[in-house]
Amino acid sequence: MDGGLERAIAFRRFRAHDVRAILRAGAGTPNPRGPGETMIVLLPSVATRDLSAYAMGEQS
């Protein structure tokens, strides 16, 4: 029950029906955390196209 009350406080849910819903959800609920370190991912360069390349053409 303490875990449910901690989650209710973390999500700022103080009404009885909110706390009951959190307690019913059990241990499978998310636990919010503060932001972590920035994730830097190097992505490959790709060719670009003008938006007109995506225009719907005449159907044949």
N, C-alpha and C. Protein backbone atom coordinates (compact mmCIF):
# COMPACT_ATOMS: atom_id res chain seq x y z
N MET A 1 0.82 -1.19 0.00
CA MET A 1 0.00 0.00 0.00
C MET A 1 0.87 1.25 0.00
N ASP A 2 2.02 1.19 0.66
CA ASP A 2 2.90 2.35 0.68
C ASP A 2 3.35 2.73 -0.72
N GLY A 3 3.63 1.72 -1.56
CA GLY A 3 4.04 1.99 -2.93
C GLY A 3 2.95 2.72 -3.71
N GLY A 4 1.70 2.32 -3.49
CA GLY A 4 0.58 2.97 -4.15
C GLY A 4 0.43 4.42 -3.72
N LEU A 5 0.63 4.66 -2.44
CA LEU A 5 0.53 6.04 -1.94
C LEU A 5 1.68 6.89 -2.46
N GLU A 6 2.85 6.31 -2.58
CA GLU A 6 3.99 7.04 -3.15
C GLU A 6 3.72 7.41 -4.60
N ARG A 7 3.14 6.46 -5.37
CA ARG A 7 2.81 6.76 -6.77
C ARG A 7 1.73 7.83 -6.85
N ALA A 8 0.76 7.78 -5.96
CA ALA A 8 -0.30 8.80 -5.96
C ALA A 8 0.29 10.18 -5.72
N ILE A 9 1.23 10.27 -4.82
CA ILE A 9 1.88 11.56 -4.55
C ILE A 9 2.72 11.98 -5.75
N ALA A 10 3.46 11.04 -6.35
CA ALA A 10 4.32 11.36 -7.49
C ALA A 10 3.50 11.87 -8.67
N PHE A 11 2.30 11.28 -8.89
CA PHE A 11 1.44 11.70 -9.99
C PHE A 11 0.49 12.82 -9.58
N ARG A 12 0.62 13.29 -8.34
CA ARG A 12 -0.22 14.36 -7.80
C ARG A 12 -1.71 14.02 -7.90
N ARG A 13 -2.04 12.80 -7.51
CA ARG A 13 -3.42 12.33 -7.47
C ARG A 13 -3.83 12.18 -6.02
N PHE A 14 -4.71 13.05 -5.55
CA PHE A 14 -5.04 13.07 -4.13
C PHE A 14 -6.49 12.69 -3.85
N ARG A 15 -7.31 12.56 -4.86
CA ARG A 15 -8.71 12.20 -4.61
C ARG A 15 -8.81 10.70 -4.36
N ALA A 16 -9.81 10.33 -3.61
CA ALA A 16 -9.96 8.93 -3.19
C ALA A 16 -10.06 7.99 -4.38
N HIS A 17 -10.85 8.35 -5.40
CA HIS A 17 -11.00 7.43 -6.54
C HIS A 17 -9.70 7.30 -7.33
N ASP A 18 -8.88 8.35 -7.36
CA ASP A 18 -7.58 8.24 -8.03
C ASP A 18 -6.66 7.29 -7.27
N VAL A 19 -6.60 7.43 -5.96
CA VAL A 19 -5.74 6.57 -5.14
C VAL A 19 -6.22 5.13 -5.23
N ARG A 20 -7.52 4.91 -5.20
CA ARG A 20 -8.05 3.54 -5.32
C ARG A 20 -7.64 2.92 -6.66
N ALA A 21 -7.71 3.71 -7.74
CA ALA A 21 -7.33 3.20 -9.06
C ALA A 21 -5.85 2.85 -9.09
N ILE A 22 -5.02 3.66 -8.47
CA ILE A 22 -3.58 3.38 -8.42
C ILE A 22 -3.32 2.12 -7.61
N LEU A 23 -3.99 1.98 -6.49
CA LEU A 23 -3.81 0.78 -5.66
C LEU A 23 -4.29 -0.47 -6.38
N ARG A 24 -5.40 -0.36 -7.14
CA ARG A 24 -5.91 -1.51 -7.90
C ARG A 24 -4.94 -1.91 -9.00
N ALA A 25 -4.24 -0.93 -9.59
CA ALA A 25 -3.31 -1.23 -10.69
C ALA A 25 -2.15 -2.08 -10.22
N GLY A 26 -1.80 -1.99 -8.97
CA GLY A 26 -0.74 -2.84 -8.42
C GLY A 26 0.66 -2.39 -8.82
N ALA A 27 1.55 -3.36 -8.87
CA ALA A 27 2.97 -3.06 -9.07
C ALA A 27 3.33 -2.81 -10.53
N GLY A 28 2.43 -3.05 -11.45
CA GLY A 28 2.75 -2.90 -12.87
C GLY A 28 2.59 -1.49 -13.40
N THR A 29 2.61 -0.52 -12.55
CA THR A 29 2.42 0.86 -12.99
C THR A 29 3.76 1.57 -13.14
N PRO A 30 3.81 2.62 -13.97
CA PRO A 30 5.08 3.33 -14.15
C PRO A 30 5.50 4.11 -12.91
N ASN A 31 6.78 4.23 -12.73
CA ASN A 31 7.34 5.04 -11.66
C ASN A 31 8.07 6.21 -12.29
N PRO A 32 7.51 7.41 -12.21
CA PRO A 32 8.13 8.55 -12.88
C PRO A 32 9.51 8.86 -12.32
N ARG A 33 10.38 9.25 -13.19
CA ARG A 33 11.74 9.63 -12.82
C ARG A 33 12.05 10.96 -13.45
N GLY A 34 13.03 11.62 -12.93
CA GLY A 34 13.49 12.86 -13.52
C GLY A 34 14.22 12.59 -14.82
N PRO A 35 14.49 13.63 -15.59
CA PRO A 35 15.20 13.43 -16.85
C PRO A 35 16.60 12.90 -16.62
N GLY A 36 17.03 12.05 -17.51
CA GLY A 36 18.37 11.48 -17.42
C GLY A 36 19.34 12.22 -18.32
N GLU A 37 20.41 11.54 -18.65
CA GLU A 37 21.41 12.13 -19.52
C GLU A 37 20.89 12.18 -20.95
N THR A 38 21.39 13.14 -21.73
CA THR A 38 21.00 13.26 -23.12
C THR A 38 21.53 12.06 -23.90
N MET A 39 20.64 11.49 -24.72
CA MET A 39 21.04 10.35 -25.54
C MET A 39 21.42 10.86 -26.92
N ILE A 40 22.67 10.69 -27.29
CA ILE A 40 23.16 11.15 -28.58
C ILE A 40 23.36 9.94 -29.47
N VAL A 41 22.67 9.93 -30.60
CA VAL A 41 22.75 8.82 -31.54
C VAL A 41 23.19 9.39 -32.89
N LEU A 42 24.25 8.83 -33.45
CA LEU A 42 24.70 9.25 -34.77
C LEU A 42 23.90 8.50 -35.81
N LEU A 43 23.17 9.24 -36.64
CA LEU A 43 22.34 8.63 -37.68
C LEU A 43 23.00 8.83 -39.03
N PRO A 44 22.78 7.91 -39.95
CA PRO A 44 23.39 8.05 -41.27
C PRO A 44 22.73 9.19 -42.05
N SER A 45 23.50 9.80 -42.94
CA SER A 45 22.96 10.83 -43.82
C SER A 45 22.14 10.16 -44.91
N VAL A 46 21.09 10.80 -45.32
CA VAL A 46 20.25 10.25 -46.39
C VAL A 46 19.98 11.35 -47.42
N ALA A 47 19.67 10.93 -48.61
CA ALA A 47 19.34 11.88 -49.67
C ALA A 47 17.99 12.52 -49.36
N THR A 48 17.85 13.77 -49.74
CA THR A 48 16.57 14.45 -49.52
C THR A 48 15.88 14.67 -50.86
N ARG A 49 14.57 14.78 -50.80
CA ARG A 49 13.77 15.04 -52.00
C ARG A 49 12.87 16.22 -51.74
N ASP A 50 12.49 16.87 -52.80
CA ASP A 50 11.54 17.96 -52.70
C ASP A 50 10.16 17.37 -52.35
N LEU A 51 9.33 18.13 -51.68
CA LEU A 51 8.00 17.63 -51.31
C LEU A 51 7.15 17.29 -52.52
N SER A 52 7.41 17.89 -53.66
CA SER A 52 6.63 17.59 -54.86
C SER A 52 6.82 16.13 -55.30
N ALA A 53 7.89 15.51 -54.87
CA ALA A 53 8.11 14.09 -55.20
C ALA A 53 7.08 13.20 -54.54
N TYR A 54 6.42 13.69 -53.52
CA TYR A 54 5.42 12.90 -52.79
C TYR A 54 3.99 13.22 -53.24
N ALA A 55 3.84 14.12 -54.20
CA ALA A 55 2.52 14.52 -54.66
C ALA A 55 1.83 13.35 -55.37
N MET A 56 0.52 13.30 -55.19
CA MET A 56 -0.27 12.26 -55.86
C MET A 56 -0.32 12.57 -57.35
N GLY A 57 0.09 11.63 -58.16
CA GLY A 57 0.05 11.83 -59.61
C GLY A 57 -1.27 11.33 -60.16
N GLU A 58 -1.39 11.43 -61.46
CA GLU A 58 -2.60 10.92 -62.08
C GLU A 58 -2.56 9.41 -62.08
N GLN A 59 -3.70 8.83 -61.74
CA GLN A 59 -3.77 7.37 -61.70
C GLN A 59 -4.09 6.84 -63.08
N SER A 60 -3.40 5.78 -63.46
CA SER A 60 -3.68 5.22 -64.79
C SER A 60 -4.18 3.82 -64.68
